[in-house]
Amino acid sequence: MIFLDIDGVMISAAGWKPVENLEDGFSAFSKRAIDCLQYLVNQTNASIVLTTSHKSTYPLYQWDQIFKTRNLNVTICDKLDDNLKSLNRKDEILNYLNAHPEIENYVIIDDDKSLNDLPHSMKQKLVLTSSLIGLTQENIERAIEILNHPTLVES
């Protein structure tokens, strides 16, 4: 399972670079991030839970189409609940995992620094990206290691 953010992961947050919107009205993903995410999914067969602040903008079937339009062949199985209580990302993910105890093998790919406050065993499953750069091959190598060897990152 991949807990995936979009801004700062699939779309770099470099303020000096305008972000292109595609015909579906959503931002284009960086080519590098697309290649990296597809490689991760191909290597691990993991599905995706969207953690992005945009998660409530579209239903899952539209998210599937957004990813397909960007040449990503992935399975989006869920998204975090609507953030009606204005929780930080850390608490949103903790709530989701508490509600889904069957999920044991996962990686969190995000640029949100609040995730540094996750409990140790969960923080070891975090791949923190640089918001200015987005997803890199180095991030993906770490994510593959986490997903393929979950016992190595347990506390």
C-alpha atoms as a PDB file:
ATOM      1  CA  MET A   1       0.000   0.000   0.000  1.00  0.00           C
ATOM      2  CA  ILE A   2       1.293   3.441  -0.943  1.00  0.00           C
ATOM      3  CA  PHE A   3      -0.040   6.463   0.940  1.00  0.00           C
ATOM      4  CA  LEU A   4       0.524   9.075  -1.753  1.00  0.00           C
ATOM      5  CA  ASP A   5       0.523  12.843  -1.604  1.00  0.00           C
ATOM      6  CA  ILE A   6       0.465  14.850  -4.843  1.00  0.00           C
ATOM      7  CA  ASP A   7       1.715  18.422  -4.222  1.00  0.00           C
ATOM      8  CA  GLY A   8       5.427  18.240  -3.459  1.00  0.00           C
ATOM      9  CA  VAL A   9       5.541  14.617  -4.649  1.00  0.00           C
ATOM     10  CA  MET A  10       3.981  14.284  -8.099  1.00  0.00           C
ATOM     11  CA  ILE A  11       4.033  18.058  -8.663  1.00  0.00           C
ATOM     12  CA  SER A  12       7.049  20.025  -7.459  1.00  0.00           C
ATOM     13  CA  ALA A  13       6.215  23.128  -5.484  1.00  0.00           C
ATOM     14  CA  ALA A  14       8.818  25.383  -7.058  1.00  0.00           C
ATOM     15  CA  GLY A  15       7.066  28.755  -6.861  1.00  0.00           C
ATOM     16  CA  TRP A  16       8.993  30.205  -9.796  1.00  0.00           C
ATOM     17  CA  LYS A  17       7.760  27.497 -12.176  1.00  0.00           C
ATOM     18  CA  PRO A  18       4.142  27.778 -13.320  1.00  0.00           C
ATOM     19  CA  VAL A  19       2.222  24.512 -13.061  1.00  0.00           C
ATOM     20  CA  GLU A  20       0.517  23.397 -16.241  1.00  0.00           C
ATOM     21  CA  ASN A  21      -3.083  22.217 -15.984  1.00  0.00           C
ATOM     22  CA  LEU A  22      -4.224  19.461 -18.309  1.00  0.00           C
ATOM     23  CA  GLU A  23      -7.589  19.345 -20.075  1.00  0.00           C
ATOM     24  CA  ASP A  24      -9.191  17.656 -17.048  1.00  0.00           C
ATOM     25  CA  GLY A  25      -8.456  20.806 -15.013  1.00  0.00           C
ATOM     26  CA  PHE A  26      -5.876  19.198 -12.723  1.00  0.00           C
ATOM     27  CA  SER A  27      -2.162  19.944 -12.660  1.00  0.00           C
ATOM     28  CA  ALA A  28       0.270  17.996 -14.793  1.00  0.00           C
ATOM     29  CA  PHE A  29       2.582  15.632 -12.899  1.00  0.00           C
ATOM     30  CA  SER A  30       6.322  15.865 -13.443  1.00  0.00           C
ATOM     31  CA  LYS A  31       7.708  13.371 -15.940  1.00  0.00           C
ATOM     32  CA  ARG A  32      10.264  12.155 -13.394  1.00  0.00           C
ATOM     33  CA  ALA A  33       7.564  11.598 -10.752  1.00  0.00           C
ATOM     34  CA  ILE A  34       5.409   9.665 -13.234  1.00  0.00           C
ATOM     35  CA  ASP A  35       8.321   7.411 -14.181  1.00  0.00           C
ATOM     36  CA  CYS A  36       9.279   6.889 -10.537  1.00  0.00           C
ATOM     37  CA  LEU A  37       5.764   6.086  -9.328  1.00  0.00           C
ATOM     38  CA  GLN A  38       5.118   3.702 -12.212  1.00  0.00           C
ATOM     39  CA  TYR A  39       8.409   1.921 -11.480  1.00  0.00           C
ATOM     40  CA  LEU A  40       7.466   1.599  -7.797  1.00  0.00           C
ATOM     41  CA  VAL A  41       4.065   0.118  -8.633  1.00  0.00           C
ATOM     42  CA  ASN A  42       5.576  -2.227 -11.230  1.00  0.00           C
ATOM     43  CA  GLN A  43       8.167  -3.469  -8.733  1.00  0.00           C
ATOM     44  CA  THR A  44       5.810  -3.919  -5.772  1.00  0.00           C
ATOM     45  CA  ASN A  45       2.299  -4.282  -7.227  1.00  0.00           C
ATOM     46  CA  ALA A  46       1.170  -1.867  -4.496  1.00  0.00           C
ATOM     47  CA  SER A  47      -2.098   0.027  -4.661  1.00  0.00           C
ATOM     48  CA  ILE A  48      -2.559   3.660  -3.691  1.00  0.00           C
ATOM     49  CA  VAL A  49      -4.409   5.498  -0.940  1.00  0.00           C
ATOM     50  CA  LEU A  50      -4.511   9.216  -1.736  1.00  0.00           C
ATOM     51  CA  THR A  51      -3.483  11.495   1.119  1.00  0.00           C
ATOM     52  CA  THR A  52      -3.368  14.734  -0.862  1.00  0.00           C
ATOM     53  CA  SER A  53      -5.285  17.792   0.265  1.00  0.00           C
ATOM     54  CA  HIS A  54      -7.030  17.495  -3.132  1.00  0.00           C
ATOM     55  CA  LYS A  55      -8.444  14.062  -2.200  1.00  0.00           C
ATOM     56  CA  SER A  56     -12.008  15.310  -1.732  1.00  0.00           C
ATOM     57  CA  THR A  57     -12.052  17.293  -4.972  1.00  0.00           C
ATOM     58  CA  TYR A  58     -12.885  14.223  -7.065  1.00  0.00           C
ATOM     59  CA  PRO A  59     -14.435  10.798  -6.501  1.00  0.00           C
ATOM     60  CA  LEU A  60     -12.134   7.777  -6.877  1.00  0.00           C
ATOM     61  CA  TYR A  61     -13.242   6.994 -10.435  1.00  0.00           C
ATOM     62  CA  GLN A  62     -12.164  10.505 -11.520  1.00  0.00           C
ATOM     63  CA  TRP A  63      -8.840  10.094  -9.722  1.00  0.00           C
ATOM     64  CA  ASP A  64      -8.338   6.897 -11.714  1.00  0.00           C
ATOM     65  CA  GLN A  65      -8.891   8.884 -14.898  1.00  0.00           C
ATOM     66  CA  ILE A  66      -6.579  11.707 -13.772  1.00  0.00           C
ATOM     67  CA  PHE A  67      -3.775   9.189 -13.230  1.00  0.00           C
ATOM     68  CA  LYS A  68      -4.487   7.396 -16.525  1.00  0.00           C
ATOM     69  CA  THR A  69      -4.448  10.727 -18.409  1.00  0.00           C
ATOM     70  CA  ARG A  70      -0.956  11.242 -16.974  1.00  0.00           C
ATOM     71  CA  ASN A  71       0.148   7.816 -18.284  1.00  0.00           C
ATOM     72  CA  LEU A  72       0.097   6.092 -14.920  1.00  0.00           C
ATOM     73  CA  ASN A  73      -1.191   2.540 -14.757  1.00  0.00           C
ATOM     74  CA  VAL A  74      -1.912   2.300 -11.029  1.00  0.00           C
ATOM     75  CA  THR A  75      -4.721   1.145  -8.765  1.00  0.00           C
ATOM     76  CA  ILE A  76      -6.189   3.825  -6.533  1.00  0.00           C
ATOM     77  CA  CYS A  77      -8.081   1.834  -3.943  1.00  0.00           C
ATOM     78  CA  ASP A  78      -9.003   4.545  -1.457  1.00  0.00           C
ATOM     79  CA  LYS A  79      -8.381   8.039  -0.145  1.00  0.00           C
ATOM     80  CA  LEU A  80      -8.182   9.450   3.349  1.00  0.00           C
ATOM     81  CA  ASP A  81     -11.458  10.671   4.780  1.00  0.00           C
ATOM     82  CA  ASP A  82     -12.527  14.230   4.088  1.00  0.00           C
ATOM     83  CA  ASN A  83     -10.599  16.394   6.539  1.00  0.00           C
ATOM     84  CA  LEU A  84     -13.575  18.059   8.198  1.00  0.00           C
ATOM     85  CA  LYS A  85     -11.705  18.630  11.483  1.00  0.00           C
ATOM     86  CA  SER A  86      -8.667  20.293   9.851  1.00  0.00           C
ATOM     87  CA  LEU A  87      -6.290  17.619  11.110  1.00  0.00           C
ATOM     88  CA  ASN A  88      -2.659  17.604  10.083  1.00  0.00           C
ATOM     89  CA  ARG A  89      -1.529  14.869   7.685  1.00  0.00           C
ATOM     90  CA  LYS A  90       0.036  12.839  10.487  1.00  0.00           C
ATOM     91  CA  ASP A  91      -3.273  12.585  12.356  1.00  0.00           C
ATOM     92  CA  GLU A  92      -5.203  11.869   9.150  1.00  0.00           C
ATOM     93  CA  ILE A  93      -2.937   8.906   8.383  1.00  0.00           C
ATOM     94  CA  LEU A  94      -2.971   7.678  11.994  1.00  0.00           C
ATOM     95  CA  ASN A  95      -6.783   7.731  11.987  1.00  0.00           C
ATOM     96  CA  TYR A  96      -6.893   5.850   8.684  1.00  0.00           C
ATOM     97  CA  LEU A  97      -4.478   3.162   9.849  1.00  0.00           C
ATOM     98  CA  ASN A  98      -6.328   2.803  13.167  1.00  0.00           C
ATOM     99  CA  ALA A  99      -9.551   2.270  11.208  1.00  0.00           C
ATOM    100  CA  HIS A 100      -7.816  -0.276   8.920  1.00  0.00           C
ATOM    101  CA  PRO A 101      -5.727  -2.538  11.190  1.00  0.00           C
ATOM    102  CA  GLU A 102      -5.452  -5.068   8.356  1.00  0.00           C
ATOM    103  CA  ILE A 103      -2.974  -2.764   6.599  1.00  0.00           C
ATOM    104  CA  GLU A 104       0.468  -3.749   7.796  1.00  0.00           C
ATOM    105  CA  ASN A 105       2.730  -3.320   4.780  1.00  0.00           C
ATOM    106  CA  TYR A 106       2.747   0.255   3.530  1.00  0.00           C
ATOM    107  CA  VAL A 107       4.901   3.217   2.649  1.00  0.00           C
ATOM    108  CA  ILE A 108       4.001   6.879   3.074  1.00  0.00           C
ATOM    109  CA  ILE A 109       5.312   9.159   0.315  1.00  0.00           C
ATOM    110  CA  ASP A 110       4.786  12.790   1.227  1.00  0.00           C
ATOM    111  CA  ASP A 111       6.520  16.137   1.674  1.00  0.00           C
ATOM    112  CA  ASP A 112       4.539  17.088   4.813  1.00  0.00           C
ATOM    113  CA  LYS A 113       6.950  17.626   7.695  1.00  0.00           C
ATOM    114  CA  SER A 114       4.215  16.927  10.294  1.00  0.00           C
ATOM    115  CA  LEU A 115       4.840  13.269   9.437  1.00  0.00           C
ATOM    116  CA  ASN A 116       8.179  13.472  11.256  1.00  0.00           C
ATOM    117  CA  ASP A 117       6.054  13.229  14.432  1.00  0.00           C
ATOM    118  CA  LEU A 118       4.658   9.794  13.526  1.00  0.00           C
ATOM    119  CA  PRO A 119       5.322   7.004  16.023  1.00  0.00           C
ATOM    120  CA  HIS A 120       8.754   5.473  15.374  1.00  0.00           C
ATOM    121  CA  SER A 121       7.497   2.274  13.732  1.00  0.00           C
ATOM    122  CA  MET A 122       5.399   4.310  11.284  1.00  0.00           C
ATOM    123  CA  LYS A 123       8.032   6.970  10.678  1.00  0.00           C
ATOM    124  CA  GLN A 124      10.336   4.202   9.434  1.00  0.00           C
ATOM    125  CA  LYS A 125       7.810   3.687   6.641  1.00  0.00           C
ATOM    126  CA  LEU A 126       7.951   7.352   5.609  1.00  0.00           C
ATOM    127  CA  VAL A 127       9.681   8.574   2.479  1.00  0.00           C
ATOM    128  CA  LEU A 128       9.807  12.348   2.830  1.00  0.00           C
ATOM    129  CA  THR A 129      10.262  14.148  -0.481  1.00  0.00           C
ATOM    130  CA  SER A 130      11.584  17.636  -1.068  1.00  0.00           C
ATOM    131  CA  SER A 131       8.620  19.770  -2.098  1.00  0.00           C
ATOM    132  CA  LEU A 132      10.820  21.743  -4.497  1.00  0.00           C
ATOM    133  CA  ILE A 133      12.005  18.594  -6.290  1.00  0.00           C
ATOM    134  CA  GLY A 134       9.215  16.043  -5.899  1.00  0.00           C
ATOM    135  CA  LEU A 135       9.563  12.293  -6.256  1.00  0.00           C
ATOM    136  CA  THR A 136      13.023  10.996  -7.158  1.00  0.00           C
ATOM    137  CA  GLN A 137      14.591   7.648  -7.957  1.00  0.00           C
ATOM    138  CA  GLU A 138      16.298   7.708  -4.561  1.00  0.00           C
ATOM    139  CA  ASN A 139      12.884   8.090  -2.887  1.00  0.00           C
ATOM    140  CA  ILE A 140      11.567   5.153  -4.892  1.00  0.00           C
ATOM    141  CA  GLU A 141      14.494   2.900  -4.009  1.00  0.00           C
ATOM    142  CA  ARG A 142      13.760   3.543  -0.331  1.00  0.00           C
ATOM    143  CA  ALA A 143      10.020   2.926  -0.870  1.00  0.00           C
ATOM    144  CA  ILE A 144      10.741  -0.390  -2.613  1.00  0.00           C
ATOM    145  CA  GLU A 145      12.994  -1.413   0.270  1.00  0.00           C
ATOM    146  CA  ILE A 146      10.229  -0.593   2.759  1.00  0.00           C
ATOM    147  CA  LEU A 147       7.527  -2.475   0.825  1.00  0.00           C
ATOM    148  CA  ASN A 148       9.641  -5.501  -0.094  1.00  0.00           C
ATOM    149  CA  HIS A 149      11.266  -5.895   3.332  1.00  0.00           C
ATOM    150  CA  PRO A 150       8.730  -4.646   5.897  1.00  0.00           C
ATOM    151  CA  THR A 151      10.384  -6.477   8.787  1.00  0.00           C
ATOM    152  CA  LEU A 152      13.642  -4.551   8.245  1.00  0.00           C
ATOM    153  CA  VAL A 153      11.944  -1.280   9.120  1.00  0.00           C
ATOM    154  CA  GLU A 154      10.027  -2.501  12.149  1.00  0.00           C
ATOM    155  CA  SER A 155      11.161  -1.243  15.520  1.00  0.00           C
END
